[in-house]
């Protein structure tokens, strides 16, 4: 969630709650605080290549696979706008989603699949 690094600290939990539940929600908010402590913010956009490795079949949980293109995103110094990091074109993630009482799917857990190419 790139927007967390550009969102005021007081608004981060509410923003994260639109797409995540704990423990991922807490991790997102913590990532924003970590960026702040280093004088950084996020920039750019992510590309997604989403797939569903398992059928949902009406279940309240699901597994999602994402081969993210992070080559146009990263972190930059808040004060100067100088880029500090830039991502790679193929980063493999998998997540567990839960369907809320409001019918919205949110991320509960995210796993970085370092050794699994996408």
Foldseek 3Di string as FASTA:
>chain_A
DQCLLVDPLVCQLVVLVQAADPPVSVVSSVVNVVQVVVQKGKDFDKDWDKDFPDDCVVPQKGKIKTFIQQQGMDMAHNVPRHGDDTDHGGWIKMFMWGQDPVRDIHTHDMDTPVPDTD
